[in-house]
Amino acid sequence: VQLQASGGGLVQAGGSLRLSCAASGRTFIMGWFRQAPGKEREFVASINTFYGSIYYTDSVKGRFTISRDNAKNTVYLQMNSLKPEDTAVYYCAARQSGALEYGYWGQGTLVTVSS
């Protein structure tokens, strides 16, 4: 499975961006991770593409929304009320049913939030 992330850019604090991640095939769970400069990569959100269950890290709850379009094998991350601390390279990832870890990763898209 290949993943193609897009939608990053420069936005002012309080603004919005929508990231997209297109997969070349159906996957069980798709997620978004991010890595800020000098920090480790962290989990942001995930969605089960079959059952719809969703998880968010606490810092984005109420601001970010993950959604899916199974017909397009695409997952979206709508990011609202962006803060400078959301600045990072965002990666989409996927894992298949039964897998314990994410085995597929996209190339990353940079999100920069200016204060």
Protein backbone atom coordinates (compact mmCIF):
# COMPACT_ATOMS: atom_id res chain seq x y z
CA VAL A 1 0.00 0.00 0.00
CA GLN A 2 1.29 3.42 -0.91
CA LEU A 3 0.18 6.56 0.88
CA GLN A 4 0.22 10.07 -0.53
CA ALA A 5 -0.27 12.94 1.88
CA SER A 6 -1.08 16.46 0.83
CA GLY A 7 -2.58 19.70 2.08
CA GLY A 8 0.10 21.18 4.28
CA GLY A 9 1.07 24.80 4.17
CA LEU A 10 1.54 28.03 6.05
CA VAL A 11 -1.35 29.38 8.08
CA GLN A 12 -1.79 31.97 10.80
CA ALA A 13 -2.72 30.95 14.31
CA GLY A 14 -6.44 30.39 14.55
CA GLY A 15 -6.65 29.33 10.94
CA SER A 16 -7.55 26.02 9.35
CA LEU A 17 -6.05 23.45 7.03
CA ARG A 18 -7.24 20.13 5.69
CA LEU A 19 -4.80 17.33 5.10
CA SER A 20 -5.56 14.45 2.78
CA CYS A 21 -4.04 10.99 2.61
CA ALA A 22 -4.80 8.86 -0.41
CA ALA A 23 -4.04 5.15 -0.16
CA SER A 24 -3.45 2.89 -3.13
CA GLY A 25 -5.63 0.24 -1.51
CA ARG A 26 -8.01 -0.38 1.35
CA THR A 27 -6.46 -0.46 4.80
CA PHE A 28 -7.91 -1.27 8.19
CA ILE A 29 -6.78 1.68 10.25
CA MET A 30 -5.37 4.95 9.02
CA GLY A 31 -3.76 7.50 11.21
CA TRP A 32 -1.99 10.80 11.34
CA PHE A 33 1.25 11.42 13.18
CA ARG A 34 3.38 14.53 13.42
CA GLN A 35 6.94 15.42 14.19
CA ALA A 36 7.88 18.88 15.31
CA PRO A 37 11.46 20.15 15.01
CA GLY A 38 13.64 18.59 17.65
CA LYS A 39 10.86 16.36 18.94
CA GLU A 40 9.86 12.77 18.54
CA ARG A 41 7.06 11.75 16.26
CA GLU A 42 3.71 11.65 18.04
CA PHE A 43 0.31 10.20 17.35
CA VAL A 44 -2.38 12.68 16.35
CA ALA A 45 -5.49 10.78 15.28
CA SER A 46 -6.67 7.51 13.80
CA ILE A 47 -9.77 6.06 12.23
CA ASN A 48 -10.89 2.50 11.65
CA THR A 49 -11.99 2.52 8.02
CA PHE A 50 -14.36 -0.40 8.53
CA TYR A 51 -16.02 0.39 11.85
CA GLY A 52 -15.44 4.13 12.08
CA SER A 53 -13.90 4.21 15.54
CA ILE A 54 -11.82 7.32 16.06
CA TYR A 55 -9.09 8.34 18.47
CA TYR A 56 -7.35 11.65 19.06
CA THR A 57 -4.46 12.75 21.14
CA ASP A 58 -5.64 15.08 23.89
CA SER A 59 -3.95 18.18 22.52
CA VAL A 60 -6.05 18.19 19.33
CA LYS A 61 -9.43 17.09 20.70
CA GLY A 62 -12.12 19.58 19.78
CA ARG A 63 -9.93 21.19 17.10
CA PHE A 64 -9.04 18.40 14.68
CA THR A 65 -11.43 16.02 12.93
CA ILE A 66 -10.42 12.86 11.13
CA SER A 67 -12.73 11.43 8.50
CA ARG A 68 -12.67 8.94 5.65
CA ASP A 69 -13.98 8.43 2.15
CA ASN A 70 -13.78 4.69 1.60
CA ALA A 71 -14.77 5.01 -2.05
CA LYS A 72 -11.57 6.96 -2.59
CA ASN A 73 -9.44 5.16 0.03
CA THR A 74 -8.73 8.60 1.40
CA VAL A 75 -8.56 9.93 4.93
CA TYR A 76 -8.76 13.57 5.86
CA LEU A 77 -7.59 15.57 8.83
CA GLN A 78 -9.48 18.82 9.25
CA MET A 79 -7.46 21.08 11.50
CA ASN A 80 -9.16 24.13 12.98
CA SER A 81 -8.06 26.70 15.54
CA LEU A 82 -4.46 25.95 14.70
CA LYS A 83 -1.77 26.94 17.17
CA PRO A 84 1.93 27.54 16.65
CA GLU A 85 2.62 24.35 18.59
CA ASP A 86 0.83 22.40 15.85
CA THR A 87 3.72 23.21 13.55
CA ALA A 88 5.20 19.93 12.38
CA VAL A 89 5.61 17.54 9.52
CA TYR A 90 2.44 15.50 9.40
CA TYR A 91 2.58 11.90 8.26
CA CYS A 92 -0.24 9.60 7.38
CA ALA A 93 0.13 5.94 8.17
CA ALA A 94 -1.86 2.78 7.80
CA ARG A 95 -2.01 -0.68 9.24
CA GLN A 96 -3.88 -3.77 8.27
CA SER A 97 -6.16 -5.86 10.41
CA GLY A 98 -4.22 -7.81 13.01
CA ALA A 99 -1.10 -5.71 12.67
CA LEU A 100 0.26 -4.27 15.90
CA GLU A 101 2.09 -1.42 14.28
CA TYR A 102 1.63 0.94 11.37
CA GLY A 103 3.40 -0.68 8.46
CA TYR A 104 2.76 1.90 5.77
CA TRP A 105 3.82 5.53 5.85
CA GLY A 106 3.32 8.51 3.58
CA GLN A 107 6.00 11.02 2.75
CA GLY A 108 4.90 13.77 5.15
CA THR A 109 3.48 17.21 4.59
CA LEU A 110 4.67 20.32 6.41
CA VAL A 111 2.26 22.40 8.43
CA THR A 112 3.54 25.73 9.68
CA VAL A 113 1.42 27.86 11.99
CA SER A 114 2.62 31.41 12.48
CA SER A 115 1.84 33.41 15.59
